[in-house]
Amino acid sequence: MKVTNNSKALQGVRSKGRAVYISPGETRDVDLGGVDLEQARRLPFLKVEGASKAAANQDGDSPKTALEVLEMAKDQNVQFMSFKSAAKKLLGEKTPSTKDDIVAALEELATQP
């Protein structure tokens, strides 16, 4: 998709685990999806165009399954608080405080019929 930097400074976005830098006023084709797309959309000075429906469905506002949240735990590019927030949407107020405990609770949730 096309990402335009509307700020006056060099900006970077993450794509597939690496940084892609965009000069002021420049538009670049960047492969964004999931968390990377969500983070780029949060920045008001970046204009993101051409998001595919598959990438849009991975947006942070859409509900995730327990298996999807468990995949977030394995991804080194996902910060703990993002993972915990997604887990809290599934586990509610009883969400544990440590990553290992959250993973255990999600695994239990994923195996329930």
PDB file of N, CA and C in Angstrom:
ATOM      1  N   MET A   1       0.831  -1.166   0.000  1.00  0.00           N
ATOM      2  CA  MET A   1       0.000   0.000   0.000  1.00  0.00           C
ATOM      3  C   MET A   1       0.879   1.233   0.000  1.00  0.00           C
ATOM      4  N   LYS A   2       0.296   2.348  -0.337  1.00  0.00           N
ATOM      5  CA  LYS A   2       1.040   3.597  -0.436  1.00  0.00           C
ATOM      6  C   LYS A   2       0.962   4.358   0.893  1.00  0.00           C
ATOM      7  N   VAL A   3       2.133   4.798   1.368  1.00  0.00           N
ATOM      8  CA  VAL A   3       2.218   5.560   2.606  1.00  0.00           C
ATOM      9  C   VAL A   3       2.891   6.887   2.273  1.00  0.00           C
ATOM     10  N   THR A   4       2.221   8.000   2.620  1.00  0.00           N
ATOM     11  CA  THR A   4       2.741   9.340   2.382  1.00  0.00           C
ATOM     12  C   THR A   4       3.093   9.986   3.711  1.00  0.00           C
ATOM     13  N   ASN A   5       4.292  10.568   3.776  1.00  0.00           N
ATOM     14  CA  ASN A   5       4.749  11.278   4.967  1.00  0.00           C
ATOM     15  C   ASN A   5       4.406  12.752   4.814  1.00  0.00           C
ATOM     16  N   ASN A   6       3.426  13.228   5.575  1.00  0.00           N
ATOM     17  CA  ASN A   6       3.001  14.627   5.507  1.00  0.00           C
ATOM     18  C   ASN A   6       3.661  15.502   6.573  1.00  0.00           C
ATOM     19  N   SER A   7       4.623  14.958   7.306  1.00  0.00           N
ATOM     20  CA  SER A   7       5.297  15.757   8.327  1.00  0.00           C
ATOM     21  C   SER A   7       6.515  16.452   7.717  1.00  0.00           C
ATOM     22  N   LYS A   8       7.179  17.263   8.523  1.00  0.00           N
ATOM     23  CA  LYS A   8       8.360  17.993   8.061  1.00  0.00           C
ATOM     24  C   LYS A   8       9.650  17.247   8.380  1.00  0.00           C
ATOM     25  N   ALA A   9       9.531  16.047   8.943  1.00  0.00           N
ATOM     26  CA  ALA A   9      10.701  15.275   9.342  1.00  0.00           C
ATOM     27  C   ALA A   9      10.647  13.868   8.744  1.00  0.00           C
ATOM     28  N   LEU A  10      11.797  13.242   8.661  1.00  0.00           N
ATOM     29  CA  LEU A  10      11.892  11.865   8.218  1.00  0.00           C
ATOM     30  C   LEU A  10      11.100  10.985   9.181  1.00  0.00           C
ATOM     31  N   GLN A  11      10.275  10.078   8.660  1.00  0.00           N
ATOM     32  CA  GLN A  11       9.459   9.199   9.487  1.00  0.00           C
ATOM     33  C   GLN A  11       9.712   7.748   9.083  1.00  0.00           C
ATOM     34  N   GLY A  12       9.528   6.858  10.030  1.00  0.00           N
ATOM     35  CA  GLY A  12       9.707   5.442   9.757  1.00  0.00           C
ATOM     36  C   GLY A  12       8.473   4.648  10.134  1.00  0.00           C
ATOM     37  N   VAL A  13       8.218   3.580   9.390  1.00  0.00           N
ATOM     38  CA  VAL A  13       7.159   2.626   9.712  1.00  0.00           C
ATOM     39  C   VAL A  13       7.780   1.239   9.699  1.00  0.00           C
ATOM     40  N   ARG A  14       7.187   0.325  10.451  1.00  0.00           N
ATOM     41  CA  ARG A  14       7.694  -1.048  10.479  1.00  0.00           C
ATOM     42  C   ARG A  14       6.968  -1.872   9.434  1.00  0.00           C
ATOM     43  N   SER A  15       7.735  -2.673   8.728  1.00  0.00           N
ATOM     44  CA  SER A  15       7.190  -3.565   7.718  1.00  0.00           C
ATOM     45  C   SER A  15       7.977  -4.860   7.763  1.00  0.00           C
ATOM     46  N   LYS A  16       7.292  -5.948   8.095  1.00  0.00           N
ATOM     47  CA  LYS A  16       7.920  -7.268   8.152  1.00  0.00           C
ATOM     48  C   LYS A  16       9.148  -7.279   9.049  1.00  0.00           C
ATOM     49  N   GLY A  17       9.042  -6.605  10.194  1.00  0.00           N
ATOM     50  CA  GLY A  17      10.108  -6.642  11.177  1.00  0.00           C
ATOM     51  C   GLY A  17      11.263  -5.683  10.943  1.00  0.00           C
ATOM     52  N   ARG A  18      11.177  -4.831   9.939  1.00  0.00           N
ATOM     53  CA  ARG A  18      12.261  -3.868   9.712  1.00  0.00           C
ATOM     54  C   ARG A  18      11.664  -2.488   9.480  1.00  0.00           C
ATOM     55  N   ALA A  19      12.491  -1.481   9.660  1.00  0.00           N
ATOM     56  CA  ALA A  19      12.028  -0.101   9.499  1.00  0.00           C
ATOM     57  C   ALA A  19      12.135   0.333   8.045  1.00  0.00           C
ATOM     58  N   VAL A  20      11.114   1.045   7.574  1.00  0.00           N
ATOM     59  CA  VAL A  20      11.114   1.665   6.243  1.00  0.00           C
ATOM     60  C   VAL A  20      10.981   3.158   6.485  1.00  0.00           C
ATOM     61  N   TYR A  21      11.968   3.925   6.001  1.00  0.00           N
ATOM     62  CA  TYR A  21      11.970   5.369   6.243  1.00  0.00           C
ATOM     63  C   TYR A  21      11.397   6.103   5.037  1.00  0.00           C
ATOM     64  N   ILE A  22      10.608   7.143   5.352  1.00  0.00           N
ATOM     65  CA  ILE A  22       9.938   7.931   4.310  1.00  0.00           C
ATOM     66  C   ILE A  22      10.293   9.395   4.535  1.00  0.00           C
ATOM     67  N   SER A  23      10.865  10.023   3.521  1.00  0.00           N
ATOM     68  CA  SER A  23      11.251  11.433   3.607  1.00  0.00           C
ATOM     69  C   SER A  23      10.019  12.330   3.610  1.00  0.00           C
ATOM     70  N   PRO A  24      10.147  13.579   4.109  1.00  0.00           N
ATOM     71  CA  PRO A  24       9.010  14.511   4.109  1.00  0.00           C
ATOM     72  C   PRO A  24       8.441  14.704   2.706  1.00  0.00           C
ATOM     73  N   GLY A  25       7.121  14.570   2.585  1.00  0.00           N
ATOM     74  CA  GLY A  25       6.438  14.750   1.307  1.00  0.00           C
ATOM     75  C   GLY A  25       6.525  13.561   0.369  1.00  0.00           C
ATOM     76  N   GLU A  26       7.268  12.540   0.725  1.00  0.00           N
ATOM     77  CA  GLU A  26       7.466  11.377  -0.142  1.00  0.00           C
ATOM     78  C   GLU A  26       6.353  10.344   0.066  1.00  0.00           C
ATOM     79  N   THR A  27       6.023   9.613  -1.005  1.00  0.00           N
ATOM     80  CA  THR A  27       5.092   8.492  -0.948  1.00  0.00           C
ATOM     81  C   THR A  27       5.854   7.238  -1.345  1.00  0.00           C
ATOM     82  N   ARG A  28       5.711   6.174  -0.540  1.00  0.00           N
ATOM     83  CA  ARG A  28       6.400   4.913  -0.830  1.00  0.00           C
ATOM     84  C   ARG A  28       5.426   3.759  -0.747  1.00  0.00           C
ATOM     85  N   ASP A  29       5.694   2.729  -1.535  1.00  0.00           N
ATOM     86  CA  ASP A  29       4.948   1.479  -1.429  1.00  0.00           C
ATOM     87  C   ASP A  29       5.541   0.692  -0.268  1.00  0.00           C
ATOM     88  N   VAL A  30       4.710   0.359   0.713  1.00  0.00           N
ATOM     89  CA  VAL A  30       5.160  -0.363   1.895  1.00  0.00           C
ATOM     90  C   VAL A  30       4.189  -1.513   2.133  1.00  0.00           C
ATOM     91  N   ASP A  31       4.732  -2.687   2.438  1.00  0.00           N
ATOM     92  CA  ASP A  31       3.903  -3.852   2.736  1.00  0.00           C
ATOM     93  C   ASP A  31       3.530  -3.814   4.209  1.00  0.00           C
ATOM     94  N   LEU A  32       2.314  -3.364   4.505  1.00  0.00           N
ATOM     95  CA  LEU A  32       1.838  -3.252   5.889  1.00  0.00           C
ATOM     96  C   LEU A  32       0.708  -4.236   6.122  1.00  0.00           C
ATOM     97  N   GLY A  33       0.655  -4.765   7.308  1.00  0.00           N
ATOM     98  CA  GLY A  33      -0.444  -5.636   7.678  1.00  0.00           C
ATOM     99  C   GLY A  33      -0.466  -5.828   9.178  1.00  0.00           C
ATOM    100  N   GLY A  34      -1.601  -6.184   9.711  1.00  0.00           N
ATOM    101  CA  GLY A  34      -1.740  -6.468  11.128  1.00  0.00           C
ATOM    102  C   GLY A  34      -1.334  -5.313  12.010  1.00  0.00           C
ATOM    103  N   VAL A  35      -0.417  -5.583  12.935  1.00  0.00           N
ATOM    104  CA  VAL A  35       0.015  -4.590  13.912  1.00  0.00           C
ATOM    105  C   VAL A  35       0.731  -3.435  13.230  1.00  0.00           C
ATOM    106  N   ASP A  36       1.551  -3.738  12.201  1.00  0.00           N
ATOM    107  CA  ASP A  36       2.265  -2.671  11.488  1.00  0.00           C
ATOM    108  C   ASP A  36       1.285  -1.676  10.876  1.00  0.00           C
ATOM    109  N   LEU A  37       0.221  -2.174  10.273  1.00  0.00           N
ATOM    110  CA  LEU A  37      -0.791  -1.308   9.672  1.00  0.00           C
ATOM    111  C   LEU A  37      -1.509  -0.498  10.750  1.00  0.00           C
ATOM    112  N   GLU A  38      -1.856  -1.153  11.842  1.00  0.00           N
ATOM    113  CA  GLU A  38      -2.543  -0.466  12.946  1.00  0.00           C
ATOM    114  C   GLU A  38      -1.687   0.682  13.477  1.00  0.00           C
ATOM    115  N   GLN A  39      -0.396   0.434  13.669  1.00  0.00           N
ATOM    116  CA  GLN A  39       0.489   1.466  14.199  1.00  0.00           C
ATOM    117  C   GLN A  39       0.657   2.614  13.213  1.00  0.00           C
ATOM    118  N   ALA A  40       0.768   2.327  11.931  1.00  0.00           N
ATOM    119  CA  ALA A  40       0.920   3.388  10.921  1.00  0.00           C
ATOM    120  C   ALA A  40      -0.335   4.253  10.851  1.00  0.00           C
ATOM    121  N   ARG A  41      -1.496   3.649  10.996  1.00  0.00           N
ATOM    122  CA  ARG A  41      -2.752   4.404  10.933  1.00  0.00           C
ATOM    123  C   ARG A  41      -2.933   5.340  12.127  1.00  0.00           C
ATOM    124  N   ARG A  42      -2.265   5.040  13.235  1.00  0.00           N
ATOM    125  CA  ARG A  42      -2.375   5.883  14.433  1.00  0.00           C
ATOM    126  C   ARG A  42      -1.641   7.214  14.276  1.00  0.00           C
ATOM    127  N   LEU A  43      -0.689   7.273  13.363  1.00  0.00           N
ATOM    128  CA  LEU A  43       0.120   8.476  13.210  1.00  0.00           C
ATOM    129  C   LEU A  43      -0.587   9.458  12.289  1.00  0.00           C
ATOM    130  N   PRO A  44      -0.975  10.625  12.799  1.00  0.00           N
ATOM    131  CA  PRO A  44      -1.783  11.564  12.010  1.00  0.00           C
ATOM    132  C   PRO A  44      -1.057  12.155  10.815  1.00  0.00           C
ATOM    133  N   PHE A  45       0.254  12.144  10.820  1.00  0.00           N
ATOM    134  CA  PHE A  45       1.019  12.739   9.724  1.00  0.00           C
ATOM    135  C   PHE A  45       1.305  11.749   8.604  1.00  0.00           C
ATOM    136  N   LEU A  46       0.897  10.486   8.760  1.00  0.00           N
ATOM    137  CA  LEU A  46       1.050   9.501   7.692  1.00  0.00           C
ATOM    138  C   LEU A  46      -0.295   9.250   7.033  1.00  0.00           C
ATOM    139  N   LYS A  47      -0.302   9.244   5.711  1.00  0.00           N
ATOM    140  CA  LYS A  47      -1.509   8.921   4.965  1.00  0.00           C
ATOM    141  C   LYS A  47      -1.309   7.529   4.370  1.00  0.00           C
ATOM    142  N   VAL A  48      -2.179   6.590   4.739  1.00  0.00           N
ATOM    143  CA  VAL A  48      -2.079   5.205   4.288  1.00  0.00           C
ATOM    144  C   VAL A  48      -3.200   4.954   3.291  1.00  0.00           C
ATOM    145  N   GLU A  49      -2.843   4.555   2.081  1.00  0.00           N
ATOM    146  CA  GLU A  49      -3.826   4.289   1.033  1.00  0.00           C
ATOM    147  C   GLU A  49      -3.647   2.881   0.492  1.00  0.00           C
ATOM    148  N   GLY A  50      -4.759   2.285   0.089  1.00  0.00           N
ATOM    149  CA  GLY A  50      -4.706   0.998  -0.588  1.00  0.00           C
ATOM    150  C   GLY A  50      -4.641  -0.191   0.334  1.00  0.00           C
ATOM    151  N   ALA A  51      -5.173  -0.070   1.543  1.00  0.00           N
ATOM    152  CA  ALA A  51      -5.189  -1.201   2.470  1.00  0.00           C
ATOM    153  C   ALA A  51      -6.133  -2.262   1.922  1.00  0.00           C
ATOM    154  N   SER A  52      -5.624  -3.468   1.804  1.00  0.00           N
ATOM    155  CA  SER A  52      -6.457  -4.558   1.306  1.00  0.00           C
ATOM    156  C   SER A  52      -7.480  -4.939   2.363  1.00  0.00           C
ATOM    157  N   LYS A  53      -8.528  -5.634   1.956  1.00  0.00           N
ATOM    158  CA  LYS A  53      -9.552  -6.052   2.911  1.00  0.00           C
ATOM    159  C   LYS A  53      -8.969  -6.998   3.945  1.00  0.00           C
ATOM    160  N   ALA A  54      -8.046  -7.860   3.539  1.00  0.00           N
ATOM    161  CA  ALA A  54      -7.425  -8.783   4.485  1.00  0.00           C
ATOM    162  C   ALA A  54      -6.641  -8.020   5.541  1.00  0.00           C
ATOM    163  N   ALA A  55      -5.893  -7.002   5.123  1.00  0.00           N
ATOM    164  CA  ALA A  55      -5.129  -6.199   6.079  1.00  0.00           C
ATOM    165  C   ALA A  55      -6.070  -5.383   6.950  1.00  0.00           C
ATOM    166  N   ALA A  56      -7.129  -4.873   6.373  1.00  0.00           N
ATOM    167  CA  ALA A  56      -8.088  -4.081   7.141  1.00  0.00           C
ATOM    168  C   ALA A  56      -8.783  -4.945   8.193  1.00  0.00           C
ATOM    169  N   ASN A  57      -9.011  -6.213   7.894  1.00  0.00           N
ATOM    170  CA  ASN A  57      -9.645  -7.112   8.854  1.00  0.00           C
ATOM    171  C   ASN A  57      -8.734  -7.420  10.024  1.00  0.00           C
ATOM    172  N   GLN A  58      -7.434  -7.172   9.872  1.00  0.00           N
ATOM    173  CA  GLN A  58      -6.497  -7.412  10.953  1.00  0.00           C
ATOM    174  C   GLN A  58      -6.312  -6.165  11.802  1.00  0.00           C
ATOM    175  N   ASP A  59      -7.091  -5.136  11.542  1.00  0.00           N
ATOM    176  CA  ASP A  59      -6.988  -3.886  12.279  1.00  0.00           C
ATOM    177  C   ASP A  59      -7.216  -4.146  13.765  1.00  0.00           C
ATOM    178  N   GLY A  60      -6.636  -3.306  14.627  1.00  0.00           N
ATOM    179  CA  GLY A  60      -6.697  -3.501  16.060  1.00  0.00           C
ATOM    180  C   GLY A  60      -8.099  -3.456  16.630  1.00  0.00           C
ATOM    181  N   ASP A  61      -9.067  -2.857  15.952  1.00  0.00           N
ATOM    182  CA  ASP A  61     -10.410  -2.753  16.486  1.00  0.00           C
ATOM    183  C   ASP A  61     -11.234  -4.020  16.272  1.00  0.00           C
ATOM    184  N   SER A  62     -10.804  -4.889  15.366  1.00  0.00           N
ATOM    185  CA  SER A  62     -11.571  -6.098  15.107  1.00  0.00           C
ATOM    186  C   SER A  62     -11.275  -7.132  16.200  1.00  0.00           C
ATOM    187  N   PRO A  63     -12.259  -7.933  16.574  1.00  0.00           N
ATOM    188  CA  PRO A  63     -12.029  -8.929  17.614  1.00  0.00           C
ATOM    189  C   PRO A  63     -11.064 -10.009  17.139  1.00  0.00           C
ATOM    190  N   LYS A  64     -10.211 -10.450  18.032  1.00  0.00           N
ATOM    191  CA  LYS A  64      -9.242 -11.490  17.708  1.00  0.00           C
ATOM    192  C   LYS A  64      -9.643 -12.769  18.441  1.00  0.00           C
ATOM    193  N   THR A  65      -9.256 -13.890  17.857  1.00  0.00           N
ATOM    194  CA  THR A  65      -9.488 -15.163  18.515  1.00  0.00           C
ATOM    195  C   THR A  65      -8.346 -15.423  19.496  1.00  0.00           C
ATOM    196  N   ALA A  66      -8.527 -16.398  20.358  1.00  0.00           N
ATOM    197  CA  ALA A  66      -7.482 -16.749  21.317  1.00  0.00           C
ATOM    198  C   ALA A  66      -6.209 -17.178  20.587  1.00  0.00           C
ATOM    199  N   LEU A  67      -6.366 -17.892  19.477  1.00  0.00           N
ATOM    200  CA  LEU A  67      -5.186 -18.326  18.719  1.00  0.00           C
ATOM    201  C   LEU A  67      -4.438 -17.146  18.108  1.00  0.00           C
ATOM    202  N   GLU A  68      -5.171 -16.135  17.627  1.00  0.00           N
ATOM    203  CA  GLU A  68      -4.529 -14.948  17.068  1.00  0.00           C
ATOM    204  C   GLU A  68      -3.759 -14.185  18.138  1.00  0.00           C
ATOM    205  N   VAL A  69      -4.325 -14.100  19.323  1.00  0.00           N
ATOM    206  CA  VAL A  69      -3.646 -13.402  20.417  1.00  0.00           C
ATOM    207  C   VAL A  69      -2.421 -14.200  20.870  1.00  0.00           C
ATOM    208  N   LEU A  70      -2.510 -15.528  20.858  1.00  0.00           N
ATOM    209  CA  LEU A  70      -1.343 -16.353  21.188  1.00  0.00           C
ATOM    210  C   LEU A  70      -0.219 -16.140  20.175  1.00  0.00           C
ATOM    211  N   GLU A  71      -0.567 -15.947  18.915  1.00  0.00           N
ATOM    212  CA  GLU A  71       0.445 -15.647  17.888  1.00  0.00           C
ATOM    213  C   GLU A  71       1.123 -14.310  18.173  1.00  0.00           C
ATOM    214  N   MET A  72       0.367 -13.361  18.722  1.00  0.00           N
ATOM    215  CA  MET A  72       0.958 -12.077  19.090  1.00  0.00           C
ATOM    216  C   MET A  72       2.044 -12.257  20.151  1.00  0.00           C
ATOM    217  N   ALA A  73       1.835 -13.215  21.058  1.00  0.00           N
ATOM    218  CA  ALA A  73       2.811 -13.464  22.121  1.00  0.00           C
ATOM    219  C   ALA A  73       4.132 -13.961  21.554  1.00  0.00           C
ATOM    220  N   LYS A  74       4.078 -14.671  20.435  1.00  0.00           N
ATOM    221  CA  LYS A  74       5.288 -15.212  19.808  1.00  0.00           C
ATOM    222  C   LYS A  74       6.013 -14.179  18.946  1.00  0.00           C
ATOM    223  N   ASP A  75       5.306 -13.146  18.520  1.00  0.00           N
ATOM    224  CA  ASP A  75       5.870 -12.137  17.618  1.00  0.00           C
ATOM    225  C   ASP A  75       6.710 -11.139  18.411  1.00  0.00           C
ATOM    226  N   GLN A  76       8.004 -11.065  18.112  1.00  0.00           N
ATOM    227  CA  GLN A  76       8.908 -10.172  18.838  1.00  0.00           C
ATOM    228  C   GLN A  76       8.637  -8.702  18.543  1.00  0.00           C
ATOM    229  N   ASN A  77       7.895  -8.402  17.478  1.00  0.00           N
ATOM    230  CA  ASN A  77       7.600  -7.020  17.116  1.00  0.00           C
ATOM    231  C   ASN A  77       6.378  -6.464  17.853  1.00  0.00           C
ATOM    232  N   VAL A  78       5.648  -7.339  18.550  1.00  0.00           N
ATOM    233  CA  VAL A  78       4.451  -6.916  19.282  1.00  0.00           C
ATOM    234  C   VAL A  78       4.849  -6.605  20.717  1.00  0.00           C
ATOM    235  N   GLN A  79       4.544  -5.407  21.152  1.00  0.00           N
ATOM    236  CA  GLN A  79       4.862  -5.014  22.519  1.00  0.00           C
ATOM    237  C   GLN A  79       3.934  -5.717  23.501  1.00  0.00           C
ATOM    238  N   PHE A  80       4.437  -5.911  24.727  1.00  0.00           N
ATOM    239  CA  PHE A  80       3.681  -6.642  25.736  1.00  0.00           C
ATOM    240  C   PHE A  80       2.315  -6.012  26.009  1.00  0.00           C
ATOM    241  N   MET A  81       2.255  -4.690  26.103  1.00  0.00           N
ATOM    242  CA  MET A  81       0.984  -4.044  26.441  1.00  0.00           C
ATOM    243  C   MET A  81      -0.049  -4.215  25.314  1.00  0.00           C
ATOM    244  N   SER A  82       0.392  -4.271  24.061  1.00  0.00           N
ATOM    245  CA  SER A  82      -0.536  -4.534  22.958  1.00  0.00           C
ATOM    246  C   SER A  82      -1.088  -5.954  23.072  1.00  0.00           C
ATOM    247  N   PHE A  83      -0.197  -6.885  23.371  1.00  0.00           N
ATOM    248  CA  PHE A  83      -0.601  -8.278  23.575  1.00  0.00           C
ATOM    249  C   PHE A  83      -1.575  -8.388  24.752  1.00  0.00           C
ATOM    250  N   LYS A  84      -1.234  -7.724  25.867  1.00  0.00           N
ATOM    251  CA  LYS A  84      -2.076  -7.797  27.069  1.00  0.00           C
ATOM    252  C   LYS A  84      -3.445  -7.176  26.812  1.00  0.00           C
ATOM    253  N   SER A  85      -3.472  -6.083  26.054  1.00  0.00           N
ATOM    254  CA  SER A  85      -4.746  -5.425  25.736  1.00  0.00           C
ATOM    255  C   SER A  85      -5.643  -6.353  24.912  1.00  0.00           C
ATOM    256  N   ALA A  86      -5.054  -7.012  23.910  1.00  0.00           N
ATOM    257  CA  ALA A  86      -5.831  -7.948  23.083  1.00  0.00           C
ATOM    258  C   ALA A  86      -6.315  -9.122  23.926  1.00  0.00           C
ATOM    259  N   ALA A  87      -5.476  -9.597  24.834  1.00  0.00           N
ATOM    260  CA  ALA A  87      -5.861 -10.712  25.698  1.00  0.00           C
ATOM    261  C   ALA A  87      -6.981 -10.296  26.647  1.00  0.00           C
ATOM    262  N   LYS A  88      -6.919  -9.057  27.133  1.00  0.00           N
ATOM    263  CA  LYS A  88      -7.936  -8.577  28.078  1.00  0.00           C
ATOM    264  C   LYS A  88      -9.318  -8.517  27.427  1.00  0.00           C
ATOM    265  N   LYS A  89      -9.359  -8.273  26.105  1.00  0.00           N
ATOM    266  CA  LYS A  89     -10.640  -8.260  25.398  1.00  0.00           C
ATOM    267  C   LYS A  89     -11.290  -9.641  25.422  1.00  0.00           C
ATOM    268  N   LEU A  90     -10.462 -10.683  25.499  1.00  0.00           N
ATOM    269  CA  LEU A  90     -10.989 -12.048  25.538  1.00  0.00           C
ATOM    270  C   LEU A  90     -11.190 -12.559  26.964  1.00  0.00           C
ATOM    271  N   LEU A  91     -10.259 -12.198  27.856  1.00  0.00           N
ATOM    272  CA  LEU A  91     -10.278 -12.754  29.207  1.00  0.00           C
ATOM    273  C   LEU A  91     -11.017 -11.896  30.220  1.00  0.00           C
ATOM    274  N   GLY A  92     -11.213 -10.612  29.887  1.00  0.00           N
ATOM    275  CA  GLY A  92     -11.930  -9.720  30.786  1.00  0.00           C
ATOM    276  C   GLY A  92     -11.071  -9.275  31.960  1.00  0.00           C
ATOM    277  N   GLU A  93     -11.742  -8.936  33.050  1.00  0.00           N
ATOM    278  CA  GLU A  93     -11.060  -8.396  34.234  1.00  0.00           C
ATOM    279  C   GLU A  93     -10.175  -9.426  34.934  1.00  0.00           C
ATOM    280  N   LYS A  94     -10.358 -10.687  34.624  1.00  0.00           N
ATOM    281  CA  LYS A  94      -9.556 -11.741  35.264  1.00  0.00           C
ATOM    282  C   LYS A  94      -8.251 -11.997  34.517  1.00  0.00           C
ATOM    283  N   THR A  95      -7.835 -11.074  33.675  1.00  0.00           N
ATOM    284  CA  THR A  95      -6.600 -11.222  32.911  1.00  0.00           C
ATOM    285  C   THR A  95      -5.407 -11.207  33.865  1.00  0.00           C
ATOM    286  N   PRO A  96      -4.566 -12.241  33.821  1.00  0.00           N
ATOM    287  CA  PRO A  96      -3.374 -12.277  34.676  1.00  0.00           C
ATOM    288  C   PRO A  96      -2.406 -11.139  34.334  1.00  0.00           C
ATOM    289  N   SER A  97      -1.436 -10.905  35.190  1.00  0.00           N
ATOM    290  CA  SER A  97      -0.524  -9.780  34.988  1.00  0.00           C
ATOM    291  C   SER A  97       0.761 -10.165  34.258  1.00  0.00           C
ATOM    292  N   THR A  98       1.138 -11.437  34.267  1.00  0.00           N
ATOM    293  CA  THR A  98       2.388 -11.836  33.613  1.00  0.00           C
ATOM    294  C   THR A  98       2.101 -12.511  32.275  1.00  0.00           C
ATOM    295  N   LYS A  99       3.073 -12.422  31.376  1.00  0.00           N
ATOM    296  CA  LYS A  99       2.919 -12.971  30.029  1.00  0.00           C
ATOM    297  C   LYS A  99       2.670 -14.481  30.066  1.00  0.00           C
ATOM    298  N   ASP A 100       3.446 -15.203  30.891  1.00  0.00           N
ATOM    299  CA  ASP A 100       3.287 -16.655  30.966  1.00  0.00           C
ATOM    300  C   ASP A 100       1.890 -17.050  31.449  1.00  0.00           C
ATOM    301  N   ASP A 101       1.379 -16.323  32.437  1.00  0.00           N
ATOM    302  CA  ASP A 101       0.035 -16.617  32.954  1.00  0.00           C
ATOM    303  C   ASP A 101      -1.043 -16.285  31.921  1.00  0.00           C
ATOM    304  N   ILE A 102      -0.843 -15.196  31.180  1.00  0.00           N
ATOM    305  CA  ILE A 102      -1.804 -14.828  30.127  1.00  0.00           C
ATOM    306  C   ILE A 102      -1.819 -15.894  29.046  1.00  0.00           C
ATOM    307  N   VAL A 103      -0.622 -16.351  28.636  1.00  0.00           N
ATOM    308  CA  VAL A 103      -0.528 -17.396  27.605  1.00  0.00           C
ATOM    309  C   VAL A 103      -1.247 -18.661  28.075  1.00  0.00           C
ATOM    310  N   ALA A 104      -1.048 -19.040  29.327  1.00  0.00           N
ATOM    311  CA  ALA A 104      -1.718 -20.234  29.862  1.00  0.00           C
ATOM    312  C   ALA A 104      -3.240 -20.069  29.831  1.00  0.00           C
ATOM    313  N   ALA A 105      -3.718 -18.886  30.225  1.00  0.00           N
ATOM    314  CA  ALA A 105      -5.166 -18.642  30.216  1.00  0.00           C
ATOM    315  C   ALA A 105      -5.723 -18.661  28.794  1.00  0.00           C
ATOM    316  N   LEU A 106      -4.972 -18.106  27.842  1.00  0.00           N
ATOM    317  CA  LEU A 106      -5.421 -18.108  26.446  1.00  0.00           C
ATOM    318  C   LEU A 106      -5.421 -19.518  25.863  1.00  0.00           C
ATOM    319  N   GLU A 107      -4.411 -20.322  26.223  1.00  0.00           N
ATOM    320  CA  GLU A 107      -4.363 -21.715  25.745  1.00  0.00           C
ATOM    321  C   GLU A 107      -5.564 -22.494  26.276  1.00  0.00           C
ATOM    322  N   GLU A 108      -5.909 -22.232  27.533  1.00  0.00           N
ATOM    323  CA  GLU A 108      -7.081 -22.890  28.114  1.00  0.00           C
ATOM    324  C   GLU A 108      -8.360 -22.447  27.382  1.00  0.00           C
ATOM    325  N   LEU A 109      -8.459 -21.162  27.110  1.00  0.00           N
ATOM    326  CA  LEU A 109      -9.619 -20.624  26.381  1.00  0.00           C
ATOM    327  C   LEU A 109      -9.702 -21.203  24.972  1.00  0.00           C
ATOM    328  N   ALA A 110      -8.563 -21.362  24.332  1.00  0.00           N
ATOM    329  CA  ALA A 110      -8.539 -21.867  22.953  1.00  0.00           C
ATOM    330  C   ALA A 110      -8.927 -23.341  22.866  1.00  0.00           C
ATOM    331  N   THR A 111      -8.699 -24.091  23.931  1.00  0.00           N
ATOM    332  CA  THR A 111      -9.012 -25.521  23.900  1.00  0.00           C
ATOM    333  C   THR A 111     -10.396 -25.850  24.411  1.00  0.00           C
ATOM    334  N   GLN A 112     -11.113 -24.855  24.949  1.00  0.00           N
ATOM    335  CA  GLN A 112     -12.484 -25.099  25.417  1.00  0.00           C
ATOM    336  C   GLN A 112     -13.403 -25.246  24.211  1.00  0.00           C
ATOM    337  N   PRO A 113     -14.377 -26.182  24.307  1.00  0.00           N
ATOM    338  CA  PRO A 113     -15.322 -26.347  23.176  1.00  0.00           C
ATOM    339  C   PRO A 113     -16.284 -25.197  23.043  1.00  0.00           C
TER     340      PRO A 113
END
